[in-house]
């Protein structure tokens, strides 16, 4: 029992991790308030969780601010692109879904195509912000790499997409699940989802990161 409740015990480490994720979630929400800063804020979120998962750095505030400043300009561009495409696809999906509900047969095909486009979009976006946080690439190259990785590592991509999509689907299920999901997102949700996704993401990145060879004596 002594080891469990000590500073080196499992309970303390779990409590500390939850506290850090809650702090990170709060930082993310605050830095997203201007809306236009969602891009660099999301990159900073993944910068911290990637380091946290890789046990490179367990701090929250300093790494978050560092990444936010470093990726501010490119993050704004990436954020504008992903947000714009996301809104466009969401509007199309809603409009065509309403047409299908009214009995238009042709729009069923369009609904399938738009649904497929939405899935591809979610899969690619899953990789974009961790790539922005971890590597130096042009915006065009970043989106291209995100699409390639999403397809090449499809099982992991599906898993990460489900992790991100599950709480969103709960928002639309019942009034109770809506309130529970909002509470989850407000206190720890964004950070927890990024943390779980980046557990898989870091393993993928390691496959493309050169390892340092040990020096010969």
N, C-alpha and C. Protein backbone atom coordinates (compact mmCIF):
# COMPACT_ATOMS: atom_id res chain seq x y z
N UNK A 1 0.81 -1.21 0.00
CA UNK A 1 0.00 0.00 0.00
C UNK A 1 0.85 1.27 0.00
N UNK A 2 2.00 1.17 0.68
CA UNK A 2 2.87 2.34 0.77
C UNK A 2 3.36 2.77 -0.60
N UNK A 3 3.72 1.77 -1.44
CA UNK A 3 4.25 2.10 -2.76
C UNK A 3 3.19 2.70 -3.66
N UNK A 4 1.92 2.29 -3.44
CA UNK A 4 0.83 2.80 -4.29
C UNK A 4 0.61 4.29 -4.06
N UNK A 5 0.69 4.72 -2.80
CA UNK A 5 0.37 6.11 -2.46
C UNK A 5 1.61 7.01 -2.37
N UNK A 6 2.80 6.46 -2.65
CA UNK A 6 4.01 7.27 -2.61
C UNK A 6 4.11 8.11 -3.87
N UNK A 7 5.10 9.03 -3.88
CA UNK A 7 5.29 9.89 -5.04
C UNK A 7 5.71 9.10 -6.28
N UNK A 8 6.25 7.92 -6.05
CA UNK A 8 6.66 7.07 -7.18
C UNK A 8 5.61 6.02 -7.50
N UNK A 9 4.50 6.03 -6.75
CA UNK A 9 3.48 5.01 -6.93
C UNK A 9 2.59 5.25 -8.13
N UNK A 10 1.83 4.21 -8.49
CA UNK A 10 0.97 4.27 -9.68
C UNK A 10 -0.15 5.30 -9.51
N UNK A 11 -0.73 5.38 -8.31
CA UNK A 11 -1.84 6.31 -8.09
C UNK A 11 -1.40 7.75 -8.29
N UNK A 12 -0.22 8.09 -7.78
CA UNK A 12 0.29 9.45 -7.94
C UNK A 12 0.56 9.77 -9.40
N UNK A 13 1.14 8.81 -10.13
CA UNK A 13 1.45 9.04 -11.55
C UNK A 13 0.18 9.21 -12.37
N UNK A 14 -0.85 8.40 -12.07
CA UNK A 14 -2.11 8.52 -12.80
C UNK A 14 -2.77 9.86 -12.50
N UNK A 15 -2.77 10.25 -11.21
CA UNK A 15 -3.38 11.53 -10.83
C UNK A 15 -2.64 12.69 -11.47
N UNK A 16 -1.31 12.61 -11.49
CA UNK A 16 -0.50 13.66 -12.10
C UNK A 16 -0.78 13.76 -13.60
N UNK A 17 -0.90 12.61 -14.25
CA UNK A 17 -1.16 12.62 -15.70
C UNK A 17 -2.52 13.23 -16.01
N UNK A 18 -3.54 12.86 -15.25
CA UNK A 18 -4.87 13.42 -15.46
C UNK A 18 -4.86 14.93 -15.24
N UNK A 19 -4.14 15.36 -14.18
CA UNK A 19 -4.04 16.80 -13.91
C UNK A 19 -3.35 17.54 -15.04
N UNK A 20 -2.28 16.95 -15.59
CA UNK A 20 -1.58 17.58 -16.71
C UNK A 20 -2.46 17.66 -17.95
N UNK A 21 -3.22 16.60 -18.21
CA UNK A 21 -4.12 16.60 -19.37
C UNK A 21 -5.23 17.63 -19.21
N UNK A 22 -5.71 17.80 -17.99
CA UNK A 22 -6.74 18.82 -17.74
C UNK A 22 -6.18 20.22 -17.96
N UNK A 23 -4.94 20.44 -17.49
CA UNK A 23 -4.29 21.74 -17.71
C UNK A 23 -4.06 21.98 -19.20
N UNK A 24 -3.61 20.95 -19.90
CA UNK A 24 -3.38 21.07 -21.34
C UNK A 24 -4.69 21.36 -22.06
N UNK A 25 -5.76 20.70 -21.64
CA UNK A 25 -7.08 20.91 -22.26
C UNK A 25 -7.53 22.36 -22.06
N UNK A 26 -7.31 22.88 -20.86
CA UNK A 26 -7.68 24.28 -20.57
C UNK A 26 -6.87 25.24 -21.43
N UNK A 27 -5.57 25.00 -21.55
CA UNK A 27 -4.73 25.84 -22.40
C UNK A 27 -5.23 25.83 -23.85
N UNK A 28 -5.55 24.64 -24.32
CA UNK A 28 -6.02 24.50 -25.70
C UNK A 28 -7.31 25.29 -25.93
N UNK A 29 -8.25 25.17 -25.02
CA UNK A 29 -9.52 25.89 -25.17
C UNK A 29 -9.30 27.40 -25.15
N UNK A 30 -8.45 27.88 -24.25
CA UNK A 30 -8.18 29.32 -24.15
C UNK A 30 -7.55 29.84 -25.44
N UNK A 31 -6.58 29.10 -25.97
CA UNK A 31 -5.88 29.55 -27.17
C UNK A 31 -6.71 29.37 -28.44
N UNK A 32 -7.82 28.62 -28.35
CA UNK A 32 -8.73 28.46 -29.48
C UNK A 32 -9.81 29.54 -29.52
N UNK A 33 -9.93 30.31 -28.45
CA UNK A 33 -11.01 31.30 -28.35
C UNK A 33 -11.05 32.27 -29.53
N UNK A 34 -9.89 32.76 -30.03
CA UNK A 34 -9.97 33.67 -31.19
C UNK A 34 -10.43 33.00 -32.49
N UNK A 35 -10.66 31.69 -32.47
CA UNK A 35 -11.11 30.89 -33.61
C UNK A 35 -10.02 30.74 -34.67
N UNK A 36 -9.45 31.86 -35.13
CA UNK A 36 -8.45 31.79 -36.19
C UNK A 36 -7.16 31.12 -35.71
N UNK A 37 -7.01 30.95 -34.41
CA UNK A 37 -5.79 30.33 -33.86
C UNK A 37 -5.98 28.84 -33.57
N UNK A 38 -7.06 28.26 -34.07
CA UNK A 38 -7.31 26.84 -33.83
C UNK A 38 -6.17 25.98 -34.40
N UNK A 39 -5.65 26.37 -35.57
CA UNK A 39 -4.57 25.62 -36.21
C UNK A 39 -3.32 25.51 -35.35
N UNK A 40 -2.69 26.65 -35.01
CA UNK A 40 -1.49 26.57 -34.17
C UNK A 40 -1.77 25.99 -32.78
N UNK A 41 -2.96 26.21 -32.24
CA UNK A 41 -3.30 25.65 -30.93
C UNK A 41 -3.38 24.12 -30.99
N UNK A 42 -3.95 23.59 -32.08
CA UNK A 42 -4.05 22.14 -32.24
C UNK A 42 -2.67 21.51 -32.44
N UNK A 43 -1.82 22.21 -33.19
CA UNK A 43 -0.44 21.74 -33.36
C UNK A 43 0.28 21.71 -32.01
N UNK A 44 0.09 22.74 -31.21
CA UNK A 44 0.71 22.81 -29.89
C UNK A 44 0.18 21.70 -28.98
N UNK A 45 -1.10 21.40 -29.08
CA UNK A 45 -1.71 20.32 -28.32
C UNK A 45 -1.01 19.00 -28.61
N UNK A 46 -0.83 18.70 -29.89
CA UNK A 46 -0.17 17.45 -30.28
C UNK A 46 1.33 17.49 -29.98
N UNK A 47 1.93 18.65 -30.02
CA UNK A 47 3.35 18.76 -29.68
C UNK A 47 3.58 18.30 -28.24
N UNK A 48 2.71 18.72 -27.34
CA UNK A 48 2.84 18.35 -25.93
C UNK A 48 2.53 16.88 -25.72
N UNK A 49 1.44 16.38 -26.33
CA UNK A 49 1.07 14.98 -26.10
C UNK A 49 2.05 14.00 -26.74
N UNK A 50 2.63 14.37 -27.88
CA UNK A 50 3.65 13.52 -28.49
C UNK A 50 4.88 13.41 -27.60
N UNK A 51 5.29 14.53 -27.01
CA UNK A 51 6.42 14.50 -26.09
C UNK A 51 6.06 13.74 -24.81
N UNK A 52 4.82 13.89 -24.39
CA UNK A 52 4.35 13.22 -23.18
C UNK A 52 4.33 11.70 -23.38
N UNK A 53 3.80 11.27 -24.53
CA UNK A 53 3.74 9.84 -24.84
C UNK A 53 5.14 9.26 -24.99
N UNK A 54 6.03 10.02 -25.65
CA UNK A 54 7.39 9.56 -25.85
C UNK A 54 8.29 9.73 -24.66
N UNK A 55 7.74 10.24 -23.55
CA UNK A 55 8.48 10.47 -22.30
C UNK A 55 9.70 11.36 -22.53
N UNK A 56 9.54 12.31 -23.47
CA UNK A 56 10.61 13.27 -23.75
C UNK A 56 10.51 14.48 -22.82
N UNK A 57 9.28 14.84 -22.47
CA UNK A 57 9.04 16.04 -21.65
C UNK A 57 7.64 15.93 -21.07
N UNK A 58 7.52 16.07 -19.76
CA UNK A 58 6.21 15.96 -19.12
C UNK A 58 5.67 17.31 -18.68
N UNK A 59 6.30 18.39 -19.13
CA UNK A 59 5.78 19.72 -18.84
C UNK A 59 4.62 20.02 -19.79
N UNK A 60 3.85 21.05 -19.47
CA UNK A 60 2.69 21.41 -20.28
C UNK A 60 2.82 22.83 -20.83
N UNK A 61 2.96 23.79 -19.95
CA UNK A 61 2.90 25.20 -20.33
C UNK A 61 4.01 25.59 -21.31
N UNK A 62 5.26 25.37 -20.94
CA UNK A 62 6.39 25.82 -21.77
C UNK A 62 6.40 25.18 -23.15
N UNK A 63 6.26 23.85 -23.28
CA UNK A 63 6.23 23.25 -24.62
C UNK A 63 5.05 23.73 -25.46
N UNK A 64 3.90 23.94 -24.83
CA UNK A 64 2.72 24.40 -25.57
C UNK A 64 2.96 25.78 -26.17
N UNK A 65 3.46 26.71 -25.35
CA UNK A 65 3.73 28.06 -25.83
C UNK A 65 4.80 28.05 -26.91
N UNK A 66 5.83 27.23 -26.72
CA UNK A 66 6.92 27.13 -27.71
C UNK A 66 6.37 26.70 -29.07
N UNK A 67 5.57 25.64 -29.09
CA UNK A 67 5.03 25.14 -30.35
C UNK A 67 4.04 26.13 -30.96
N UNK A 68 3.22 26.76 -30.13
CA UNK A 68 2.24 27.72 -30.63
C UNK A 68 2.93 28.86 -31.36
N UNK A 69 4.01 29.37 -30.79
CA UNK A 69 4.75 30.45 -31.45
C UNK A 69 5.47 29.96 -32.70
N UNK A 70 6.09 28.80 -32.59
CA UNK A 70 6.89 28.28 -33.70
C UNK A 70 6.04 27.96 -34.92
N UNK A 71 4.83 27.41 -34.69
CA UNK A 71 3.98 26.99 -35.81
C UNK A 71 2.81 27.95 -36.06
N UNK A 72 2.94 29.18 -35.57
CA UNK A 72 1.80 30.10 -35.63
C UNK A 72 1.38 30.39 -37.08
N UNK A 73 2.32 30.79 -37.91
CA UNK A 73 1.98 31.19 -39.28
C UNK A 73 1.46 30.01 -40.10
N UNK A 74 2.23 28.92 -40.11
CA UNK A 74 1.81 27.75 -40.89
C UNK A 74 0.56 27.12 -40.28
N UNK A 75 0.45 27.16 -38.96
CA UNK A 75 -0.73 26.63 -38.29
C UNK A 75 -1.99 27.38 -38.68
N UNK A 76 -1.87 28.69 -38.86
CA UNK A 76 -3.02 29.49 -39.28
C UNK A 76 -3.47 29.06 -40.68
N UNK A 77 -2.51 28.82 -41.56
CA UNK A 77 -2.84 28.40 -42.93
C UNK A 77 -3.49 27.01 -42.92
N UNK A 78 -2.87 26.08 -42.21
CA UNK A 78 -3.41 24.72 -42.12
C UNK A 78 -4.79 24.73 -41.47
N UNK A 79 -4.94 25.53 -40.42
CA UNK A 79 -6.22 25.63 -39.74
C UNK A 79 -7.31 26.17 -40.65
N UNK A 80 -6.98 27.18 -41.46
CA UNK A 80 -7.96 27.76 -42.39
C UNK A 80 -8.38 26.73 -43.43
N UNK A 81 -7.42 25.95 -43.94
CA UNK A 81 -7.72 24.94 -44.96
C UNK A 81 -8.60 23.83 -44.38
N UNK A 82 -8.18 23.27 -43.24
CA UNK A 82 -8.93 22.15 -42.66
C UNK A 82 -10.32 22.59 -42.19
N UNK A 83 -10.41 23.79 -41.62
CA UNK A 83 -11.70 24.28 -41.17
C UNK A 83 -12.63 24.55 -42.35
N UNK A 84 -12.09 25.18 -43.39
CA UNK A 84 -12.90 25.48 -44.58
C UNK A 84 -13.41 24.22 -45.25
N UNK A 85 -12.53 23.26 -45.45
CA UNK A 85 -12.94 21.99 -46.09
C UNK A 85 -13.93 21.25 -45.20
N UNK A 86 -13.69 21.28 -43.90
CA UNK A 86 -14.59 20.61 -42.97
C UNK A 86 -15.99 21.20 -43.00
N UNK A 87 -16.10 22.52 -43.00
CA UNK A 87 -17.40 23.18 -43.06
C UNK A 87 -18.10 22.87 -44.38
N UNK A 88 -17.34 22.90 -45.47
CA UNK A 88 -17.90 22.61 -46.79
C UNK A 88 -18.48 21.19 -46.85
N UNK A 89 -17.71 20.22 -46.35
CA UNK A 89 -18.17 18.82 -46.36
C UNK A 89 -19.37 18.62 -45.43
N UNK A 90 -19.33 19.28 -44.27
CA UNK A 90 -20.43 19.15 -43.32
C UNK A 90 -21.72 19.72 -43.91
N UNK A 91 -21.62 20.87 -44.59
CA UNK A 91 -22.79 21.48 -45.22
C UNK A 91 -23.33 20.58 -46.33
N UNK A 92 -22.41 20.06 -47.15
CA UNK A 92 -22.83 19.17 -48.24
C UNK A 92 -23.52 17.93 -47.70
N UNK A 93 -22.93 17.34 -46.66
CA UNK A 93 -23.50 16.13 -46.08
C UNK A 93 -24.90 16.40 -45.55
N UNK A 94 -25.07 17.50 -44.83
CA UNK A 94 -26.37 17.83 -44.25
C UNK A 94 -27.40 18.09 -45.35
N UNK A 95 -27.02 18.85 -46.36
CA UNK A 95 -27.94 19.20 -47.45
C UNK A 95 -28.38 17.96 -48.21
N UNK A 96 -27.41 17.11 -48.58
CA UNK A 96 -27.75 15.91 -49.36
C UNK A 96 -28.53 14.93 -48.51
N UNK A 97 -28.22 14.84 -47.23
CA UNK A 97 -28.97 13.96 -46.32
C UNK A 97 -30.44 14.39 -46.25
N UNK A 98 -30.67 15.69 -46.22
CA UNK A 98 -32.05 16.20 -46.22
C UNK A 98 -32.76 15.85 -47.52
N UNK A 99 -32.03 15.91 -48.63
CA UNK A 99 -32.62 15.56 -49.94
C UNK A 99 -32.99 14.08 -49.98
N UNK A 100 -32.10 13.24 -49.43
CA UNK A 100 -32.38 11.79 -49.40
C UNK A 100 -33.60 11.52 -48.52
N UNK A 101 -33.72 12.24 -47.42
CA UNK A 101 -34.86 12.06 -46.52
C UNK A 101 -36.17 12.43 -47.21
N UNK A 102 -36.09 13.32 -48.20
CA UNK A 102 -37.29 13.73 -48.94
C UNK A 102 -37.60 12.78 -50.09
N UNK A 103 -36.76 11.74 -50.27
CA UNK A 103 -37.07 10.71 -51.26
C UNK A 103 -36.37 10.85 -52.59
N UNK A 104 -35.39 11.70 -52.71
CA UNK A 104 -34.66 11.86 -53.98
C UNK A 104 -33.66 10.71 -54.14
N UNK A 105 -33.87 9.84 -55.11
CA UNK A 105 -33.06 8.64 -55.28
C UNK A 105 -31.64 8.96 -55.71
N UNK A 106 -31.50 9.88 -56.66
CA UNK A 106 -30.16 10.22 -57.19
C UNK A 106 -29.22 10.68 -56.09
N UNK A 107 -29.77 11.39 -55.10
CA UNK A 107 -28.92 11.94 -54.05
C UNK A 107 -28.37 10.89 -53.10
N UNK A 108 -28.89 9.66 -53.17
CA UNK A 108 -28.33 8.59 -52.36
C UNK A 108 -26.89 8.28 -52.79
N UNK A 109 -26.67 8.34 -54.10
CA UNK A 109 -25.31 8.14 -54.62
C UNK A 109 -24.40 9.26 -54.15
N UNK A 110 -24.89 10.48 -54.22
CA UNK A 110 -24.10 11.63 -53.77
C UNK A 110 -23.82 11.55 -52.28
N UNK A 111 -24.79 11.04 -51.52
CA UNK A 111 -24.59 10.90 -50.08
C UNK A 111 -23.46 9.93 -49.78
N UNK A 112 -23.40 8.85 -50.53
CA UNK A 112 -22.32 7.87 -50.36
C UNK A 112 -20.97 8.51 -50.69
N UNK A 113 -20.93 9.27 -51.78
CA UNK A 113 -19.68 9.92 -52.20
C UNK A 113 -19.22 10.96 -51.18
N UNK A 114 -20.16 11.77 -50.70
CA UNK A 114 -19.81 12.79 -49.70
C UNK A 114 -19.39 12.14 -48.38
N UNK A 115 -20.06 11.06 -48.00
CA UNK A 115 -19.69 10.34 -46.78
C UNK A 115 -18.27 9.80 -46.89
N UNK A 116 -17.95 9.27 -48.07
CA UNK A 116 -16.59 8.77 -48.31
C UNK A 116 -15.57 9.91 -48.23
N UNK A 117 -15.92 11.05 -48.79
CA UNK A 117 -15.04 12.22 -48.74
C UNK A 117 -14.83 12.68 -47.30
N UNK A 118 -15.88 12.63 -46.50
CA UNK A 118 -15.77 13.02 -45.09
C UNK A 118 -14.85 12.09 -44.33
N UNK A 119 -14.93 10.79 -44.63
CA UNK A 119 -14.06 9.82 -43.96
C UNK A 119 -12.60 10.06 -44.33
N UNK A 120 -12.34 10.29 -45.62
CA UNK A 120 -10.97 10.57 -46.08
C UNK A 120 -10.45 11.85 -45.42
N UNK A 121 -11.32 12.84 -45.32
CA UNK A 121 -10.95 14.11 -44.68
C UNK A 121 -10.56 13.89 -43.22
N UNK A 122 -11.38 13.15 -42.48
CA UNK A 122 -11.08 12.89 -41.07
C UNK A 122 -9.79 12.10 -40.91
N UNK A 123 -9.57 11.16 -41.80
CA UNK A 123 -8.36 10.34 -41.73
C UNK A 123 -7.11 11.18 -41.98
N UNK A 124 -7.18 12.07 -42.97
CA UNK A 124 -6.02 12.91 -43.29
C UNK A 124 -5.76 13.94 -42.20
N UNK A 125 -6.83 14.57 -41.70
CA UNK A 125 -6.67 15.59 -40.66
C UNK A 125 -6.07 14.99 -39.38
N UNK A 126 -6.35 13.71 -39.15
CA UNK A 126 -5.78 13.03 -37.99
C UNK A 126 -4.26 13.12 -37.98
N UNK A 127 -3.66 13.13 -39.17
CA UNK A 127 -2.20 13.16 -39.28
C UNK A 127 -1.62 14.56 -39.44
N UNK A 128 -2.41 15.48 -39.97
CA UNK A 128 -1.87 16.79 -40.35
C UNK A 128 -1.26 17.53 -39.16
N UNK A 129 -2.00 17.64 -38.07
CA UNK A 129 -1.51 18.45 -36.94
C UNK A 129 -0.35 17.79 -36.19
N UNK A 130 -0.35 16.47 -35.99
CA UNK A 130 0.86 15.86 -35.43
C UNK A 130 2.08 16.04 -36.32
N UNK A 131 1.89 15.99 -37.65
CA UNK A 131 3.00 16.23 -38.57
C UNK A 131 3.50 17.67 -38.45
N UNK A 132 2.57 18.61 -38.33
CA UNK A 132 2.94 20.01 -38.16
C UNK A 132 3.72 20.21 -36.86
N UNK A 133 3.31 19.50 -35.83
CA UNK A 133 3.96 19.63 -34.52
C UNK A 133 5.33 19.00 -34.49
N UNK A 134 5.52 17.95 -35.28
CA UNK A 134 6.73 17.12 -35.15
C UNK A 134 7.79 17.40 -36.22
N UNK A 135 7.37 17.79 -37.42
CA UNK A 135 8.32 17.89 -38.54
C UNK A 135 8.22 19.25 -39.23
N UNK A 136 9.28 19.60 -39.93
CA UNK A 136 9.31 20.83 -40.73
C UNK A 136 9.06 20.48 -42.19
N UNK A 137 7.90 20.82 -42.69
CA UNK A 137 7.53 20.56 -44.08
C UNK A 137 6.72 21.72 -44.62
N UNK A 138 6.67 21.83 -45.93
CA UNK A 138 5.77 22.81 -46.53
C UNK A 138 4.33 22.35 -46.30
N UNK A 139 3.40 23.27 -46.42
CA UNK A 139 1.99 22.93 -46.19
C UNK A 139 1.51 21.89 -47.20
N UNK A 140 1.90 22.06 -48.45
CA UNK A 140 1.51 21.11 -49.50
C UNK A 140 2.06 19.72 -49.20
N UNK A 141 3.33 19.66 -48.84
CA UNK A 141 3.96 18.38 -48.54
C UNK A 141 3.34 17.73 -47.31
N UNK A 142 2.93 18.55 -46.37
CA UNK A 142 2.33 18.04 -45.14
C UNK A 142 1.02 17.32 -45.42
N UNK A 143 0.16 17.94 -46.24
CA UNK A 143 -1.11 17.32 -46.59
C UNK A 143 -0.90 16.06 -47.42
N UNK A 144 0.08 16.10 -48.28
CA UNK A 144 0.39 14.92 -49.11
C UNK A 144 0.88 13.77 -48.23
N UNK A 145 1.77 14.08 -47.30
CA UNK A 145 2.29 13.06 -46.40
C UNK A 145 1.18 12.51 -45.51
N UNK A 146 0.29 13.38 -45.05
CA UNK A 146 -0.83 12.95 -44.20
C UNK A 146 -1.70 11.95 -44.93
N UNK A 147 -2.00 12.22 -46.20
CA UNK A 147 -2.83 11.31 -46.99
C UNK A 147 -2.14 9.96 -47.19
N UNK A 148 -0.83 10.00 -47.47
CA UNK A 148 -0.07 8.76 -47.69
C UNK A 148 -0.02 7.92 -46.41
N UNK A 149 0.27 8.56 -45.29
CA UNK A 149 0.34 7.84 -44.02
C UNK A 149 -1.02 7.27 -43.62
N UNK A 150 -2.07 8.04 -43.88
CA UNK A 150 -3.42 7.59 -43.53
C UNK A 150 -3.78 6.30 -44.24
N UNK A 151 -3.37 6.18 -45.51
CA UNK A 151 -3.66 4.98 -46.30
C UNK A 151 -2.69 3.86 -45.96
N UNK A 152 -1.42 4.20 -45.82
CA UNK A 152 -0.39 3.18 -45.56
C UNK A 152 -0.59 2.50 -44.21
N UNK A 153 -1.06 3.25 -43.24
CA UNK A 153 -1.28 2.70 -41.89
C UNK A 153 -2.77 2.70 -41.58
N UNK A 154 -3.52 2.07 -42.46
CA UNK A 154 -4.98 2.13 -42.39
C UNK A 154 -5.56 1.61 -41.07
N UNK A 155 -5.12 0.46 -40.54
CA UNK A 155 -5.69 -0.01 -39.27
C UNK A 155 -5.53 1.00 -38.13
N UNK A 156 -4.33 1.58 -38.02
CA UNK A 156 -4.09 2.59 -36.99
C UNK A 156 -4.92 3.85 -37.26
N UNK A 157 -5.04 4.20 -38.54
CA UNK A 157 -5.82 5.38 -38.93
C UNK A 157 -7.28 5.22 -38.53
N UNK A 158 -7.84 4.04 -38.80
CA UNK A 158 -9.23 3.76 -38.44
C UNK A 158 -9.42 3.87 -36.93
N UNK A 159 -8.47 3.30 -36.19
CA UNK A 159 -8.54 3.34 -34.73
C UNK A 159 -8.51 4.78 -34.22
N UNK A 160 -7.60 5.60 -34.76
CA UNK A 160 -7.49 7.00 -34.33
C UNK A 160 -8.73 7.81 -34.73
N UNK A 161 -9.29 7.49 -35.88
CA UNK A 161 -10.51 8.18 -36.33
C UNK A 161 -11.68 7.85 -35.42
N UNK A 162 -11.78 6.59 -35.02
CA UNK A 162 -12.85 6.17 -34.10
C UNK A 162 -12.69 6.86 -32.75
N UNK A 163 -11.45 6.96 -32.26
CA UNK A 163 -11.19 7.65 -30.99
C UNK A 163 -11.69 9.09 -31.04
N UNK A 164 -11.46 9.75 -32.19
CA UNK A 164 -11.89 11.15 -32.33
C UNK A 164 -13.38 11.27 -32.57
N UNK A 165 -13.97 10.31 -33.30
CA UNK A 165 -15.37 10.43 -33.71
C UNK A 165 -16.35 9.98 -32.64
N UNK A 166 -15.96 9.04 -31.79
CA UNK A 166 -16.91 8.47 -30.82
C UNK A 166 -17.56 9.52 -29.92
N UNK A 167 -16.78 10.43 -29.28
CA UNK A 167 -17.44 11.45 -28.45
C UNK A 167 -18.35 12.39 -29.24
N UNK A 168 -17.99 12.65 -30.50
CA UNK A 168 -18.82 13.52 -31.34
C UNK A 168 -20.16 12.86 -31.63
N UNK A 169 -20.14 11.54 -31.90
CA UNK A 169 -21.39 10.82 -32.16
C UNK A 169 -22.27 10.79 -30.92
N UNK A 170 -21.65 10.73 -29.74
CA UNK A 170 -22.43 10.74 -28.50
C UNK A 170 -23.16 12.07 -28.29
N UNK A 171 -22.58 13.13 -28.86
CA UNK A 171 -23.24 14.44 -28.76
C UNK A 171 -24.63 14.43 -29.38
N UNK A 172 -24.81 13.58 -30.39
CA UNK A 172 -26.07 13.57 -31.13
C UNK A 172 -26.99 12.43 -30.71
N UNK A 173 -26.61 11.67 -29.70
CA UNK A 173 -27.36 10.47 -29.34
C UNK A 173 -28.58 10.78 -28.48
N UNK A 174 -28.37 11.27 -27.27
CA UNK A 174 -29.46 11.66 -26.37
C UNK A 174 -29.08 12.96 -25.67
N UNK A 175 -30.04 13.66 -25.09
CA UNK A 175 -29.71 14.88 -24.33
C UNK A 175 -28.70 14.63 -23.21
N UNK A 176 -28.81 13.46 -22.55
CA UNK A 176 -27.88 13.14 -21.48
C UNK A 176 -26.46 12.93 -22.01
N UNK A 177 -26.35 12.17 -23.11
CA UNK A 177 -25.03 11.94 -23.70
C UNK A 177 -24.45 13.25 -24.23
N UNK A 178 -25.31 14.13 -24.69
CA UNK A 178 -24.86 15.45 -25.17
C UNK A 178 -24.19 16.22 -24.03
N UNK A 179 -24.82 16.26 -22.87
CA UNK A 179 -24.28 16.97 -21.71
C UNK A 179 -23.00 16.31 -21.20
N UNK A 180 -23.00 14.98 -21.18
CA UNK A 180 -21.81 14.25 -20.71
C UNK A 180 -20.62 14.49 -21.65
N UNK A 181 -20.89 14.49 -22.95
CA UNK A 181 -19.83 14.71 -23.94
C UNK A 181 -19.28 16.13 -23.84
N UNK A 182 -20.17 17.12 -23.66
CA UNK A 182 -19.72 18.50 -23.50
C UNK A 182 -18.85 18.65 -22.26
N UNK A 183 -19.25 18.01 -21.17
CA UNK A 183 -18.47 18.06 -19.93
C UNK A 183 -17.10 17.42 -20.14
N UNK A 184 -17.10 16.28 -20.83
CA UNK A 184 -15.85 15.58 -21.13
C UNK A 184 -14.90 16.47 -21.94
N UNK A 185 -15.44 17.10 -23.00
CA UNK A 185 -14.61 17.97 -23.84
C UNK A 185 -14.11 19.18 -23.05
N UNK A 186 -14.94 19.74 -22.20
CA UNK A 186 -14.58 20.95 -21.47
C UNK A 186 -13.44 20.70 -20.49
N UNK A 187 -13.47 19.59 -19.80
CA UNK A 187 -12.49 19.35 -18.74
C UNK A 187 -11.22 18.65 -19.24
N UNK A 188 -11.35 17.66 -20.12
CA UNK A 188 -10.15 16.91 -20.49
C UNK A 188 -10.22 16.32 -21.91
N UNK A 189 -11.35 16.42 -22.58
CA UNK A 189 -11.59 15.69 -23.81
C UNK A 189 -10.60 15.87 -24.93
N UNK A 190 -10.31 17.11 -25.31
CA UNK A 190 -9.40 17.35 -26.44
C UNK A 190 -8.00 16.81 -26.16
N UNK A 191 -7.52 17.04 -24.95
CA UNK A 191 -6.18 16.56 -24.58
C UNK A 191 -6.15 15.04 -24.48
N UNK A 192 -7.19 14.44 -23.92
CA UNK A 192 -7.24 12.99 -23.78
C UNK A 192 -7.29 12.29 -25.13
N UNK A 193 -8.08 12.83 -26.05
CA UNK A 193 -8.17 12.26 -27.39
C UNK A 193 -6.83 12.37 -28.11
N UNK A 194 -6.18 13.54 -28.03
CA UNK A 194 -4.87 13.72 -28.66
C UNK A 194 -3.85 12.76 -28.04
N UNK A 195 -3.91 12.58 -26.73
CA UNK A 195 -2.98 11.68 -26.04
C UNK A 195 -3.15 10.24 -26.53
N UNK A 196 -4.39 9.78 -26.62
CA UNK A 196 -4.65 8.40 -27.07
C UNK A 196 -4.26 8.23 -28.54
N UNK A 197 -4.58 9.21 -29.37
CA UNK A 197 -4.20 9.13 -30.78
C UNK A 197 -2.69 9.10 -30.95
N UNK A 198 -1.99 9.93 -30.18
CA UNK A 198 -0.54 10.05 -30.35
C UNK A 198 0.22 8.86 -29.81
N UNK A 199 -0.42 8.01 -29.01
CA UNK A 199 0.20 6.75 -28.64
C UNK A 199 0.42 5.88 -29.87
N UNK A 200 -0.54 5.92 -30.78
CA UNK A 200 -0.40 5.21 -32.06
C UNK A 200 0.44 6.01 -33.05
N UNK A 201 0.25 7.33 -33.05
CA UNK A 201 0.94 8.19 -34.00
C UNK A 201 2.45 8.12 -33.83
N UNK A 202 2.92 8.10 -32.60
CA UNK A 202 4.36 8.12 -32.34
C UNK A 202 5.01 6.84 -32.85
N UNK A 203 4.32 5.73 -32.74
CA UNK A 203 4.86 4.47 -33.27
C UNK A 203 5.03 4.54 -34.79
N UNK A 204 4.09 5.22 -35.45
CA UNK A 204 4.19 5.39 -36.90
C UNK A 204 5.35 6.31 -37.24
N UNK A 205 5.47 7.42 -36.52
CA UNK A 205 6.55 8.36 -36.78
C UNK A 205 7.92 7.74 -36.58
N UNK A 206 8.03 6.88 -35.59
CA UNK A 206 9.32 6.23 -35.31
C UNK A 206 9.82 5.42 -36.51
N UNK A 207 8.87 4.92 -37.31
CA UNK A 207 9.27 4.12 -38.47
C UNK A 207 9.94 4.97 -39.55
N UNK A 208 9.71 6.27 -39.52
CA UNK A 208 10.26 7.16 -40.54
C UNK A 208 11.30 8.13 -39.96
N UNK A 209 11.66 7.93 -38.70
CA UNK A 209 12.64 8.80 -38.06
C UNK A 209 13.96 8.06 -37.94
N UNK A 210 15.05 8.61 -38.53
CA UNK A 210 16.35 7.94 -38.42
C UNK A 210 16.77 7.79 -36.97
N UNK A 211 17.26 6.62 -36.63
CA UNK A 211 17.76 6.37 -35.28
C UNK A 211 19.26 6.65 -35.24
N UNK A 212 19.70 7.20 -34.13
CA UNK A 212 21.13 7.44 -33.96
C UNK A 212 21.86 6.14 -33.69
N UNK A 213 22.90 5.90 -34.46
CA UNK A 213 23.71 4.69 -34.27
C UNK A 213 24.65 4.89 -33.08
N UNK A 214 24.79 3.85 -32.24
CA UNK A 214 25.73 3.98 -31.12
C UNK A 214 27.15 4.16 -31.60
N UNK A 215 27.90 5.04 -30.96
CA UNK A 215 29.28 5.30 -31.35
C UNK A 215 30.17 4.14 -30.98
N UNK A 216 31.05 3.80 -31.92
CA UNK A 216 32.00 2.71 -31.67
C UNK A 216 33.17 3.23 -30.85
N UNK A 217 33.58 2.42 -29.91
CA UNK A 217 34.71 2.83 -29.05
C UNK A 217 36.02 2.63 -29.80
